[in-house]
Amino acid sequence: MSTKEKFLEFDHDSLKMKVEVVQGGYLGIMVKSYTYSIHIIEGALPDTCIAHWCFEYKALSPKHHLMLCARLNEVLPVSLKGIESYLLSNDEYQERA
């Protein structure tokens, strides 16, 4: 599902960004508006990090809210597994022996 997005904030120093979805995705189908923010912080171990990913949205109705929650519970684990697979398949992200 493709989207058109607008960067609202981007801070290179603190590795934070906030994005507004302006077209596509669930806009007009389940939500009136939505944004997401990502904040990356250094992990406890060398060459690791923690990514905080937050979605904020205004559902079209309570029914749409429940539908979106169910959909995100299906889609997010698959998406995150895809990101993990990509990172692990690139040498620069693999642990050095």
C-alpha atoms as a PDB file:
ATOM      1  CA  MET A   1       0.000   0.000   0.000  1.00  0.00           C
ATOM      2  CA  SER A   2       1.800   3.133  -1.176  1.00  0.00           C
ATOM      3  CA  THR A   3       1.730   6.502   0.551  1.00  0.00           C
ATOM      4  CA  LYS A   4       2.839  10.060  -0.019  1.00  0.00           C
ATOM      5  CA  GLU A   5       4.508  11.463   3.077  1.00  0.00           C
ATOM      6  CA  LYS A   6       5.726  14.822   4.361  1.00  0.00           C
ATOM      7  CA  PHE A   7       8.617  15.137   6.807  1.00  0.00           C
ATOM      8  CA  LEU A   8       7.525  17.345   9.706  1.00  0.00           C
ATOM      9  CA  GLU A   9      10.715  17.055  11.765  1.00  0.00           C
ATOM     10  CA  PHE A  10      14.142  15.610  11.141  1.00  0.00           C
ATOM     11  CA  ASP A  11      16.939  15.902  13.688  1.00  0.00           C
ATOM     12  CA  HIS A  12      20.250  14.355  12.638  1.00  0.00           C
ATOM     13  CA  ASP A  13      21.853  14.893  16.049  1.00  0.00           C
ATOM     14  CA  SER A  14      19.210  13.098  18.107  1.00  0.00           C
ATOM     15  CA  LEU A  15      18.231  10.663  15.297  1.00  0.00           C
ATOM     16  CA  LYS A  16      14.547  11.621  15.490  1.00  0.00           C
ATOM     17  CA  MET A  17      12.048  12.142  12.709  1.00  0.00           C
ATOM     18  CA  LYS A  18       8.328  12.740  12.424  1.00  0.00           C
ATOM     19  CA  VAL A  19       6.345  12.077   9.242  1.00  0.00           C
ATOM     20  CA  GLU A  20       2.775  12.888   8.211  1.00  0.00           C
ATOM     21  CA  VAL A  21       1.008  10.684   5.683  1.00  0.00           C
ATOM     22  CA  VAL A  22      -0.705  13.066   3.250  1.00  0.00           C
ATOM     23  CA  GLN A  23      -2.017  10.590   0.671  1.00  0.00           C
ATOM     24  CA  GLY A  24      -2.658   6.860   0.353  1.00  0.00           C
ATOM     25  CA  GLY A  25      -2.291   4.126   2.911  1.00  0.00           C
ATOM     26  CA  TYR A  26      -5.236   3.998   5.305  1.00  0.00           C
ATOM     27  CA  LEU A  27      -6.020   7.716   4.856  1.00  0.00           C
ATOM     28  CA  GLY A  28      -9.727   8.149   4.141  1.00  0.00           C
ATOM     29  CA  ILE A  29     -10.292   4.385   4.452  1.00  0.00           C
ATOM     30  CA  MET A  30      -9.852   3.924   8.204  1.00  0.00           C
ATOM     31  CA  VAL A  31      -8.304   7.187   9.435  1.00  0.00           C
ATOM     32  CA  LYS A  32      -8.780  10.935   9.038  1.00  0.00           C
ATOM     33  CA  SER A  33      -5.076  11.590   9.567  1.00  0.00           C
ATOM     34  CA  TYR A  34      -1.957   9.869  10.789  1.00  0.00           C
ATOM     35  CA  THR A  35       1.656  10.526  11.601  1.00  0.00           C
ATOM     36  CA  TYR A  36       4.489   8.367  12.772  1.00  0.00           C
ATOM     37  CA  SER A  37       7.734   9.147  14.509  1.00  0.00           C
ATOM     38  CA  ILE A  38      10.942   7.185  14.782  1.00  0.00           C
ATOM     39  CA  HIS A  39      13.659   7.725  17.372  1.00  0.00           C
ATOM     40  CA  ILE A  40      16.840   5.666  17.242  1.00  0.00           C
ATOM     41  CA  ILE A  41      18.980   5.388  20.358  1.00  0.00           C
ATOM     42  CA  GLU A  42      22.255   3.622  20.993  1.00  0.00           C
ATOM     43  CA  GLY A  43      21.925   0.068  22.273  1.00  0.00           C
ATOM     44  CA  ALA A  44      23.563  -1.398  25.362  1.00  0.00           C
ATOM     45  CA  LEU A  45      25.944  -3.513  23.271  1.00  0.00           C
ATOM     46  CA  PRO A  46      28.420  -2.169  20.689  1.00  0.00           C
ATOM     47  CA  ASP A  47      26.995  -1.745  17.171  1.00  0.00           C
ATOM     48  CA  THR A  48      23.392  -2.074  18.364  1.00  0.00           C
ATOM     49  CA  CYS A  49      20.481   0.322  18.561  1.00  0.00           C
ATOM     50  CA  ILE A  50      16.893   0.537  19.716  1.00  0.00           C
ATOM     51  CA  ALA A  51      14.259   2.007  17.416  1.00  0.00           C
ATOM     52  CA  HIS A  52      11.162   3.557  18.969  1.00  0.00           C
ATOM     53  CA  TRP A  53       8.394   3.726  16.361  1.00  0.00           C
ATOM     54  CA  CYS A  54       5.166   5.524  17.292  1.00  0.00           C
ATOM     55  CA  PHE A  55       1.952   5.818  15.248  1.00  0.00           C
ATOM     56  CA  GLU A  56      -0.594   8.534  15.989  1.00  0.00           C
ATOM     57  CA  TYR A  57      -3.896   8.594  14.129  1.00  0.00           C
ATOM     58  CA  LYS A  58      -7.469   9.843  14.206  1.00  0.00           C
ATOM     59  CA  ALA A  59      -9.808   7.020  13.250  1.00  0.00           C
ATOM     60  CA  LEU A  60     -12.895   7.684  11.143  1.00  0.00           C
ATOM     61  CA  SER A  61     -15.011   5.966  13.829  1.00  0.00           C
ATOM     62  CA  PRO A  62     -14.648   3.598  16.807  1.00  0.00           C
ATOM     63  CA  LYS A  63     -15.307   0.691  14.430  1.00  0.00           C
ATOM     64  CA  HIS A  64     -12.493   1.875  12.153  1.00  0.00           C
ATOM     65  CA  HIS A  65     -10.197   2.164  15.181  1.00  0.00           C
ATOM     66  CA  LEU A  66     -10.736  -1.521  15.999  1.00  0.00           C
ATOM     67  CA  MET A  67     -10.264  -2.509  12.351  1.00  0.00           C
ATOM     68  CA  LEU A  68      -6.993  -0.558  12.132  1.00  0.00           C
ATOM     69  CA  CYS A  69      -5.665  -2.085  15.359  1.00  0.00           C
ATOM     70  CA  ALA A  70      -6.367  -5.569  14.023  1.00  0.00           C
ATOM     71  CA  ARG A  71      -4.731  -4.727  10.687  1.00  0.00           C
ATOM     72  CA  LEU A  72      -1.609  -3.275  12.328  1.00  0.00           C
ATOM     73  CA  ASN A  73      -1.287  -6.400  14.487  1.00  0.00           C
ATOM     74  CA  GLU A  74      -1.140  -8.414  11.246  1.00  0.00           C
ATOM     75  CA  VAL A  75       1.081  -6.124   9.181  1.00  0.00           C
ATOM     76  CA  LEU A  76       3.681  -4.778  11.617  1.00  0.00           C
ATOM     77  CA  PRO A  77       5.329  -8.082  12.614  1.00  0.00           C
ATOM     78  CA  VAL A  78       5.747  -9.012   8.938  1.00  0.00           C
ATOM     79  CA  SER A  79       7.166  -5.573   8.108  1.00  0.00           C
ATOM     80  CA  LEU A  80       9.616  -5.660  11.007  1.00  0.00           C
ATOM     81  CA  LYS A  81      10.741  -9.176  10.050  1.00  0.00           C
ATOM     82  CA  GLY A  82      11.426  -7.848   6.543  1.00  0.00           C
ATOM     83  CA  ILE A  83      13.568  -5.029   7.938  1.00  0.00           C
ATOM     84  CA  GLU A  84      15.433  -7.481  10.170  1.00  0.00           C
ATOM     85  CA  SER A  85      16.088  -9.843   7.237  1.00  0.00           C
ATOM     86  CA  TYR A  86      17.413  -6.979   5.136  1.00  0.00           C
ATOM     87  CA  LEU A  87      19.758  -5.756   7.856  1.00  0.00           C
ATOM     88  CA  LEU A  88      21.071  -9.238   8.619  1.00  0.00           C
ATOM     89  CA  SER A  89      21.714  -9.960   4.927  1.00  0.00           C
ATOM     90  CA  ASN A  90      24.119  -7.008   4.630  1.00  0.00           C
ATOM     91  CA  ASP A  91      27.665  -7.517   5.906  1.00  0.00           C
ATOM     92  CA  GLU A  92      27.917  -4.063   7.448  1.00  0.00           C
ATOM     93  CA  TYR A  93      25.128  -4.957   9.889  1.00  0.00           C
ATOM     94  CA  GLN A  94      26.310  -8.420  10.876  1.00  0.00           C
ATOM     95  CA  GLU A  95      28.196  -9.075  14.073  1.00  0.00           C
ATOM     96  CA  ARG A  96      31.938  -9.406  13.523  1.00  0.00           C
ATOM     97  CA  ALA A  97      33.557 -12.649  14.689  1.00  0.00           C
END
